[in-house]
């Protein structure tokens, strides 16, 4: 299945695009999605954390993905 992924903040800078298409097996999980992203963009491994939102809700690592899902990768937020 082909997933459409939105990237924000430093993840957008690392990938070089705000939107990304990624091919994964049917019903792949969020964990597999993150592994694939880190393989394709090794600099993502340097981030302390990354959250994944699926259809506007934060997801767990074992959540199964569907091709129609709206996926957002949310980098760590810092501030003072």
Foldseek 3Di string as FASTA:
>chain_A
DKAKEAEDDVLCVQVVHRIDIDDDPAFDFQLVVVVVSCVVRVVVVVAPDKWKDWQNHTDDRGGTDHRPIYIYIHGDDDDD
